Structures are given as C-alpha cells and as structure tokens.
Protein backbone atom coordinates (compact mmCIF):
# COMPACT_ATOMS: atom_id res chain seq x y z
CA MET A 1 128.09 107.23 125.33
CA SER A 2 129.78 108.65 128.36
CA VAL A 3 129.70 106.14 131.18
CA ASN A 4 131.27 107.14 134.46
CA SER A 5 130.88 103.78 136.13
CA GLU A 6 129.14 100.45 135.82
CA VAL A 7 129.18 97.95 138.66
CA HIS A 8 127.76 94.41 138.73
CA ALA A 9 127.74 92.18 141.81
CA ALA A 10 125.98 88.93 142.64
CA GLY A 11 123.79 88.66 145.69
CA GLY A 12 122.04 85.76 147.42
CA PHE A 13 118.50 87.14 147.60
CA LEU A 14 115.58 85.09 148.82
CA HIS A 15 113.39 83.32 146.30
CA HIS A 16 110.15 84.97 145.25
CA PRO A 17 107.16 83.32 143.55
CA ALA A 18 107.67 85.37 140.38
CA ALA A 19 111.40 84.68 139.96
CA GLN A 20 114.11 82.55 141.48
CA SER A 21 117.60 83.64 142.61
CA PRO A 22 117.38 87.42 142.00
CA ILE A 23 120.64 89.12 141.10
CA PHE A 24 121.76 92.45 142.48
CA SER A 25 123.23 94.97 140.01
CA GLU A 26 124.12 98.65 139.94
CA ARG A 27 124.65 100.83 136.87
CA ALA A 28 125.63 104.50 136.85
CA TYR A 29 125.80 106.74 133.77
CA SER A 30 126.28 110.40 132.89
CA GLY A 31 126.60 112.26 129.62
CA THR A 32 125.18 114.77 127.14
CA ASP A 33 124.31 112.63 124.10
CA PRO A 34 120.57 111.96 123.49
CA ASP A 35 121.35 108.75 121.58
CA ALA A 36 123.37 107.45 124.51
CA LEU A 37 120.50 108.34 126.83
CA SER A 38 118.16 106.36 124.57
CA GLU A 39 120.38 103.31 124.96
CA ILE A 40 120.60 103.73 128.75
CA LEU A 41 116.83 103.98 129.26
CA SER A 42 115.90 101.23 126.78
CA THR A 43 115.57 97.51 127.40
CA SER A 44 115.69 94.72 124.84
CA THR A 45 111.90 94.52 124.80
CA SER A 46 110.99 98.19 125.29
CA PRO A 47 113.18 100.67 123.37
CA ILE A 48 113.02 104.37 124.24
CA LYS A 49 113.98 107.24 121.93
CA ALA A 50 115.36 110.36 123.65
CA ALA A 51 115.73 113.70 121.91
CA ALA A 52 116.77 117.23 122.87
CA GLN A 53 113.94 119.63 122.11
CA ALA A 54 114.88 122.38 119.62
CA ASN A 55 118.36 120.80 119.45
CA ALA A 56 119.28 122.43 122.76
CA SER A 57 122.06 121.03 124.95
CA ILE A 58 121.16 118.46 127.58
CA ALA A 59 122.89 116.59 130.41
CA TYR A 60 121.94 113.59 132.50
CA ARG A 61 123.09 111.55 135.47
CA CYS A 62 121.36 108.23 136.15
CA ASN A 63 121.97 105.54 138.75
CA PHE A 64 119.99 102.27 138.63
CA VAL A 65 120.02 99.59 141.32
CA SER A 66 118.10 96.33 140.88
CA ALA A 67 117.25 93.36 143.06
CA GLY A 68 115.63 90.74 140.87
CA ASP A 69 112.31 91.91 139.44
CA LEU A 70 112.35 95.22 141.34
CA ALA A 71 114.63 98.17 140.59
CA VAL A 72 115.09 101.71 141.91
CA ALA A 73 116.73 104.69 140.25
CA ASP A 74 117.94 108.20 141.00
CA CYS A 75 118.03 110.29 137.81
CA ALA A 76 118.80 113.97 137.20
CA TYR A 77 118.43 115.84 133.90
CA GLU A 78 119.28 119.28 132.51
CA GLY A 79 117.52 120.78 129.51
CA ALA A 80 114.28 120.11 127.65
CA ILE A 81 114.16 116.39 126.76
CA SER A 82 111.47 114.37 125.02
CA LEU A 83 111.20 110.59 125.50
CA ARG A 84 109.17 108.20 123.34
CA ARG A 85 108.59 104.59 124.39
CA GLU A 86 108.31 102.40 121.29
CA ALA A 87 107.00 99.19 122.92
CA PRO A 88 105.31 98.27 126.24
CA SER A 89 107.68 97.71 129.14
CA GLY A 90 105.93 94.97 131.14
CA LYS A 91 106.69 96.96 134.29
CA VAL A 92 104.76 99.23 136.61
CA ILE A 93 106.85 102.41 136.83
CA ILE A 94 106.52 104.90 139.69
CA PHE A 95 108.13 108.35 139.44
CA LEU A 96 108.78 110.23 142.70
CA PRO A 97 109.89 113.80 141.86
CA VAL A 98 112.54 115.56 143.91
CA GLU A 99 112.97 118.63 141.68
CA GLY A 100 111.54 120.03 138.48
CA ASP A 101 108.70 119.33 136.10
CA ALA A 102 107.74 116.45 133.81
CA VAL A 103 104.72 115.43 131.77
CA PHE A 104 104.08 111.73 131.07
CA ASN A 105 101.80 110.46 128.33
CA ALA A 106 99.65 107.47 129.26
CA GLY A 107 97.18 106.73 126.50
CA GLN A 108 95.13 109.87 125.99
CA GLU A 109 95.96 111.24 129.43
CA ALA A 110 98.80 113.66 130.22
CA ILE A 111 100.11 113.16 133.76
CA HIS A 112 101.84 116.16 135.31
CA SER A 113 104.60 115.32 137.79
CA VAL A 114 106.19 117.85 140.16
CA PRO A 115 107.59 117.57 143.71
CA GLY A 116 104.81 116.39 146.01
CA ARG A 117 102.95 114.73 143.16
CA GLY A 118 104.13 111.33 141.93
CA ALA A 119 102.97 109.23 139.01
CA ILE A 120 102.24 105.51 138.60
CA LEU A 121 102.41 104.31 135.00
CA GLY A 122 101.01 100.82 134.50
CA ALA A 123 102.67 98.20 132.33
CA GLY A 124 102.14 99.17 128.71
CA ARG A 125 100.44 102.51 129.45
CA ALA A 126 103.33 104.98 129.24
CA THR A 127 104.07 106.09 125.67
CA GLY A 128 106.35 109.06 126.27
CA ALA A 129 107.40 111.98 128.44
CA ARG A 130 108.70 115.54 128.37
CA LEU A 131 111.24 116.75 130.93
CA LEU A 132 111.02 120.50 131.24
CA GLY A 133 114.35 122.01 132.30
CA ARG A 134 116.13 120.84 135.44
CA ARG A 135 114.57 117.64 136.73
CA ARG A 136 115.43 114.99 139.31
CA HIS A 137 113.30 112.04 140.35
CA LEU A 138 113.48 108.70 142.06
CA GLY A 139 112.06 105.81 140.08
CA LEU A 140 110.63 102.47 141.16
CA PHE A 141 110.29 99.71 138.55
CA VAL A 142 108.30 96.58 139.44
CA ASP A 143 107.65 93.69 137.05
CA GLN A 144 103.92 93.32 136.49
CA ALA A 145 104.51 89.59 136.98
CA ARG A 146 105.69 90.25 140.55
CA ILE A 147 102.60 92.33 141.31
CA ASN A 148 100.40 89.60 139.84
CA ALA A 149 102.19 86.99 141.95
CA HIS A 150 101.38 88.99 145.10
CA LEU A 151 97.75 89.43 144.01
CA THR A 152 97.53 85.71 143.21
CA HIS A 153 98.76 84.94 146.72
CA MET A 154 96.33 87.44 148.29
CA PHE A 155 93.30 86.18 146.35
CA GLU A 156 94.35 82.51 146.12
CA ARG A 157 93.57 82.51 142.40
CA THR A 158 95.56 83.31 139.30
CA ILE A 159 95.77 87.03 138.44
CA THR A 160 97.00 88.15 135.02
CA GLY A 161 97.18 91.38 133.04
CA ASP A 162 97.71 94.99 134.08
CA ALA A 163 96.63 96.01 137.60
CA ASP A 164 95.65 99.40 136.11
CA PHE A 165 96.78 101.70 138.94
CA HIS A 166 95.34 105.20 139.18
CA PRO A 167 98.22 107.35 137.91
CA HIS A 168 98.36 110.14 140.52
CA ILE A 169 100.09 109.93 143.93
CA ASP A 170 100.10 112.50 146.74
CA LEU A 171 103.65 112.41 148.13
CA THR A 172 103.13 115.00 150.85
CA ALA A 173 101.59 112.70 153.47
CA GLY A 174 100.34 109.19 154.28
CA PRO A 175 101.14 106.24 151.99
CA GLY A 176 102.67 108.44 149.28
CA LEU A 177 105.20 109.94 151.67
CA LEU A 178 105.97 106.47 153.07
CA LEU A 179 106.49 105.12 149.55
CA GLN A 180 108.98 107.88 148.77
CA GLN A 181 110.86 107.14 152.00
CA LEU A 182 110.95 103.39 151.25
CA VAL A 183 112.31 103.92 147.74
CA THR A 184 114.87 106.43 149.03
CA ASN A 185 116.08 103.96 151.66
CA LEU A 186 116.24 101.11 149.17
CA HIS A 187 118.35 103.14 146.77
CA ARG A 188 120.67 104.46 149.47
CA GLY A 189 120.99 101.06 151.13
CA LEU A 190 121.72 99.11 147.94
CA GLY A 191 123.73 101.62 145.93
CA GLY A 192 127.39 102.45 146.28
CA GLY A 193 128.29 99.53 148.51
CA GLY A 194 125.44 100.26 150.90
CA LEU A 195 124.76 98.13 153.96
CA LEU A 196 121.70 96.45 152.44
CA GLN A 197 123.92 94.61 149.99
CA GLU A 198 124.93 92.40 152.92
CA LEU A 199 121.38 91.97 154.25
CA PRO A 200 119.36 89.88 151.76
CA LEU A 201 116.60 89.16 154.30
CA ALA A 202 116.09 92.88 154.86
CA VAL A 203 116.07 93.55 151.11
CA SER A 204 113.50 90.82 150.53
CA ALA A 205 111.28 92.24 153.29
CA LEU A 206 111.60 95.81 152.01
CA CYS A 207 110.79 94.78 148.43
CA ASP A 208 107.72 92.85 149.58
CA ALA A 209 106.65 95.74 151.82
CA THR A 210 106.92 98.13 148.88
CA VAL A 211 104.71 95.98 146.64
CA TYR A 212 102.11 95.44 149.37
CA LEU A 213 102.14 99.18 150.11
CA LEU A 214 101.28 99.82 146.45
CA LEU A 215 98.52 97.21 146.37
CA GLU A 216 96.90 98.13 149.67
CA ASN A 217 97.02 101.93 149.48
CA PHE A 218 96.93 103.13 145.87
CA PRO A 219 93.77 102.62 143.78
CA HIS A 220 93.87 99.93 141.09
CA ARG A 221 91.63 97.39 139.38
CA TYR A 222 91.50 95.06 142.41
CA SER A 223 91.24 97.66 145.20
CA ASN A 224 87.53 97.17 145.86
CA GLU A 225 87.92 93.41 145.96
CA LEU A 226 90.74 93.71 148.51
CA THR A 227 88.35 95.48 150.89
CA LEU A 228 85.91 92.55 150.89
CA PRO A 229 86.05 89.85 153.59
CA ALA A 230 88.44 87.03 152.76
CA PRO A 231 86.74 83.99 151.20
CA ALA A 232 86.28 80.81 153.17
CA PRO A 233 89.26 78.45 153.14
CA ALA A 234 89.30 76.00 150.26
CA PRO A 235 87.94 72.55 151.15
CA ARG A 236 90.23 69.57 151.56
CA HIS A 237 89.55 68.12 148.12
CA VAL A 238 90.72 71.34 146.41
CA LYS A 239 93.91 71.36 148.52
CA TRP A 240 94.50 67.67 147.78
CA ALA A 241 94.08 68.36 144.06
CA ILE A 242 96.57 71.25 144.19
CA ASP A 243 99.07 69.14 146.14
CA PHE A 244 98.74 66.38 143.54
CA MET A 245 99.31 68.87 140.69
CA HIS A 246 102.48 70.22 142.29
CA ALA A 247 103.76 66.71 143.00
CA HIS A 248 103.22 65.65 139.35
CA ILE A 249 103.66 69.04 137.66
CA ALA A 250 105.93 67.75 134.87
CA GLU A 251 103.88 64.61 134.18
CA PRO A 252 100.99 64.22 131.68
CA ILE A 253 98.26 63.95 134.32
CA SER A 254 94.57 64.04 133.40
CA LEU A 255 91.54 65.66 135.01
CA SER A 256 90.31 62.21 135.99
CA GLU A 257 93.58 61.45 137.78
CA ILE A 258 93.42 64.76 139.64
CA ALA A 259 89.85 64.05 140.76
CA THR A 260 90.84 60.55 141.89
CA ALA A 261 93.71 61.99 143.95
CA ALA A 262 91.29 64.50 145.48
CA LYS A 263 88.80 61.67 146.28
CA VAL A 264 85.85 63.40 144.56
CA SER A 265 84.06 63.30 141.24
CA ILE A 266 85.24 65.45 138.33
CA ARG A 267 82.09 67.58 138.65
CA THR A 268 82.67 68.22 142.37
CA LEU A 269 86.32 69.06 141.69
CA GLN A 270 85.38 71.55 138.98
CA GLN A 271 82.78 73.20 141.22
CA GLY A 272 85.33 73.50 144.03
CA PHE A 273 87.88 75.21 141.81
CA ARG A 274 85.28 77.58 140.37
CA GLN A 275 84.05 78.53 143.84
CA PHE A 276 87.36 78.75 145.72
CA ARG A 277 89.96 79.46 143.02
CA ASN A 278 87.83 81.22 140.38
CA THR A 279 89.30 78.96 137.69
CA THR A 280 89.23 75.35 136.49
CA PRO A 281 91.55 72.52 137.60
CA ILE A 282 93.17 72.29 134.16
CA ALA A 283 93.65 76.07 133.95
CA TYR A 284 95.24 76.01 137.41
CA LEU A 285 97.62 73.23 136.30
CA HIS A 286 98.44 75.17 133.14
CA GLU A 287 99.27 78.25 135.21
CA ILE A 288 101.66 76.55 137.63
CA ARG A 289 103.41 74.89 134.68
CA MET A 290 103.75 78.29 132.97
CA VAL A 291 105.29 79.77 136.13
CA ALA A 292 107.68 76.80 136.35
CA ALA A 293 108.71 77.32 132.73
CA ARG A 294 109.41 81.00 133.42
CA ARG A 295 111.54 80.06 136.43
CA ASP A 296 113.62 77.73 134.25
CA LEU A 297 113.98 80.37 131.53
CA LEU A 298 115.20 82.92 134.08
CA GLU A 299 117.67 80.50 135.65
CA SER A 300 118.92 78.89 132.44
CA GLY A 301 121.19 81.74 131.37
CA ALA A 302 120.74 80.76 127.69
CA LYS A 303 122.22 77.30 128.40
CA GLN A 304 118.98 75.59 127.34
CA ALA A 305 116.70 76.08 124.35
CA VAL A 306 113.21 77.49 124.77
CA ALA A 307 111.79 74.37 123.10
CA ASP A 308 113.49 72.06 125.62
CA ILE A 309 112.13 74.03 128.58
CA ALA A 310 108.64 74.20 127.07
CA LEU A 311 108.57 70.44 126.48
CA ARG A 312 109.79 69.76 130.02
CA TRP A 313 106.64 71.41 131.37
CA GLY A 314 104.21 69.84 128.92
CA PHE A 315 103.97 72.57 126.26
CA THR A 316 104.25 70.63 123.02
CA HIS A 317 103.18 73.40 120.61
CA LEU A 318 106.01 75.97 120.71
CA GLY A 319 104.13 78.71 118.86
CA ARG A 320 101.10 78.48 121.15
CA PHE A 321 103.39 78.39 124.20
CA ALA A 322 105.17 81.56 123.06
CA ALA A 323 101.87 83.39 122.48
CA GLU A 324 100.41 82.35 125.86
CA TYR A 325 103.69 83.14 127.62
CA LYS A 326 103.79 86.66 126.18
CA LYS A 327 100.18 87.26 127.19
CA ARG A 328 100.95 86.06 130.73
CA PHE A 329 104.34 87.73 131.32
CA GLY A 330 104.51 90.57 128.81
CA GLU A 331 107.50 89.21 126.87
CA LEU A 332 108.43 86.25 124.67
CA PRO A 333 110.17 83.20 126.19
CA SER A 334 113.27 83.98 124.11
CA GLN A 335 113.42 87.47 125.65
CA THR A 336 113.26 86.02 129.17
CA LEU A 337 116.05 83.59 128.26
CA LYS A 338 118.35 86.48 127.25
CA ARG A 339 118.06 88.31 130.59
C-alpha cells in the first residue's frame, strides 16, 4: 500500500448522546494497488473488496477526516473500479459527486451518481459500486446510531433500525446544494490543520446541523411523522419515572419501585409511557442502560472486558446482551470496544 500521509490528533469535542468524547482524526492515502484500496475503504466490521475491471490500471487519492461518529471524505479515482461491500456498514453514507460517473448497488436498485445528483445509501443497503473512469466525490459518513439519537430526541421515544432514506439527492439547488456546501466546509475546515480543529463548539454545531438537515429535508421512514404537530408534553409522573430511572440506572430497580417514585399505580405508569413515549417503562430503562453500556465500551479503550461493562449496567446474560446490542447499534460489543 502506498500511503502518502497519515495524521492523528486528539480533539476536545462536545459530548453527544450517541457517543462521548469524540476524537478527531485525519487519514490521507494514494496509490495504484486495488488490494491496498480495499484495505483503505474497509472497516473491521464492513470489509470492502476493490478490483480493477479488465485488469486495467487504476489510481486513487483519498482523504478522510472524522469527528466522532461523523466523517467526511474527498476521494478521486482514475480507471474503471468495482467495489463490493461484504458486510453492512452501520452507517448512512452520502456521496456528493464533483466529477465523473458512478453506479451504486442498493438491494435490487442501481443508483446512478453524477455531478448534480447525489446518493444516500442507508446503513446496510449498499452492496457495491462501479466507478466509471475519472471520478471525484465528497463523502459524508454518519453512524446510524447518531441519526437514531437525534430522532429519539425529536420524538421523545426510542428510535432504532435504519431510517431508510430515499437514495436520490438533487444537488443543484435547495437542501441538496446546502448539504454539499456544509460537507465541503467541514472537510476544508477540519483537514490539513484547518481552523475548525481549534473550534470544537463550531464543529459540534456543524455536525448537528448536518444531521438535522438530512432528517428535515430528505425523505425517509419518519418524514411524514416529523410533519405532524408535536405531541403534548409528558405528564409529571412520566418525567418523575424517567428521572428516577436515570438516578438509579445501574441499580436493580423494579417496575413497582419506579411507579412508587412516580407516585402513581403501575397501570397508570404503563399507560403514560405508551401514550407519551410509545414504549413501556421497562423497555425505556433497558434502552438507557444499553446506551450507557455503549458509552462505556467506546470510552474504555479495551481496558475493560465486555462482560464487566455488561454486568455494570444490569445485563447478566452476555450472549443475549451481545445479540440485543448488535440489533440496536449494528455491531457487536467487542467490535465497539476495539474502536
């Protein structure tokens, strides 16, 4: 692999509900070897196989800049290249073409991407791509967990799974053009010692603005619901119950204890959560414990065992915890621990 440069630097970014203490990093690569390109584009959980079509010569130049669970890229390619993703990525990936042609495979649909026409590929949807000759695009990579955290905040109930964005974006005007400008500014401002490296508040605001721009302007599974009037505020007993859960999150509290703290019967508590949180009290407690476990896994740096972290948050069956964690966050706890 030919690597021109690789730079890593720590940054003090603001905390986000989906992950604590994001780290800034920059990686730049160039070369002509398809196997090296495969390694560059792959992650530990989502390998990608790159190949030169008809054994023709290729070249690439890629620069990736990340800030926690959001990353931007500027990539240029020469030659006909095929890419095959061998496992879901757990990320929503947005391609914003600057030059050239590409075709992305998402299930049974082929998504054509040329300047003026971007593509949103939901977590787990993209299976491969073909780059046809000279190609350059900006890329935006957002953890599905971060998008779900924003949706959870907007709806005041737990959101899981793929947001299922419509794959096509008009980049010539309106929100599409604004998205391209935002991603361009993020990459320029963070890469190569850019000014944004010294402005964590600005980076946090820009990252949040980018995610909200996606959710509020590009069609997805929850778009129609976002247009509805906001629900009435949750009653006091639901808020008291939630406060009690957070205060005793690592303790073996029961439904009866939660209802007592909320000063209502169990039946009234369950009705309140169904009406105002679209879930049950125990499911809500399970969710905030799962998010706390993920935070610890991200911050541990492999210094703690998965089993110890799971037990800390009340998950006594390690196999069940791993299965539920993967369903919730798109990766196993051990994979999060290795980040």
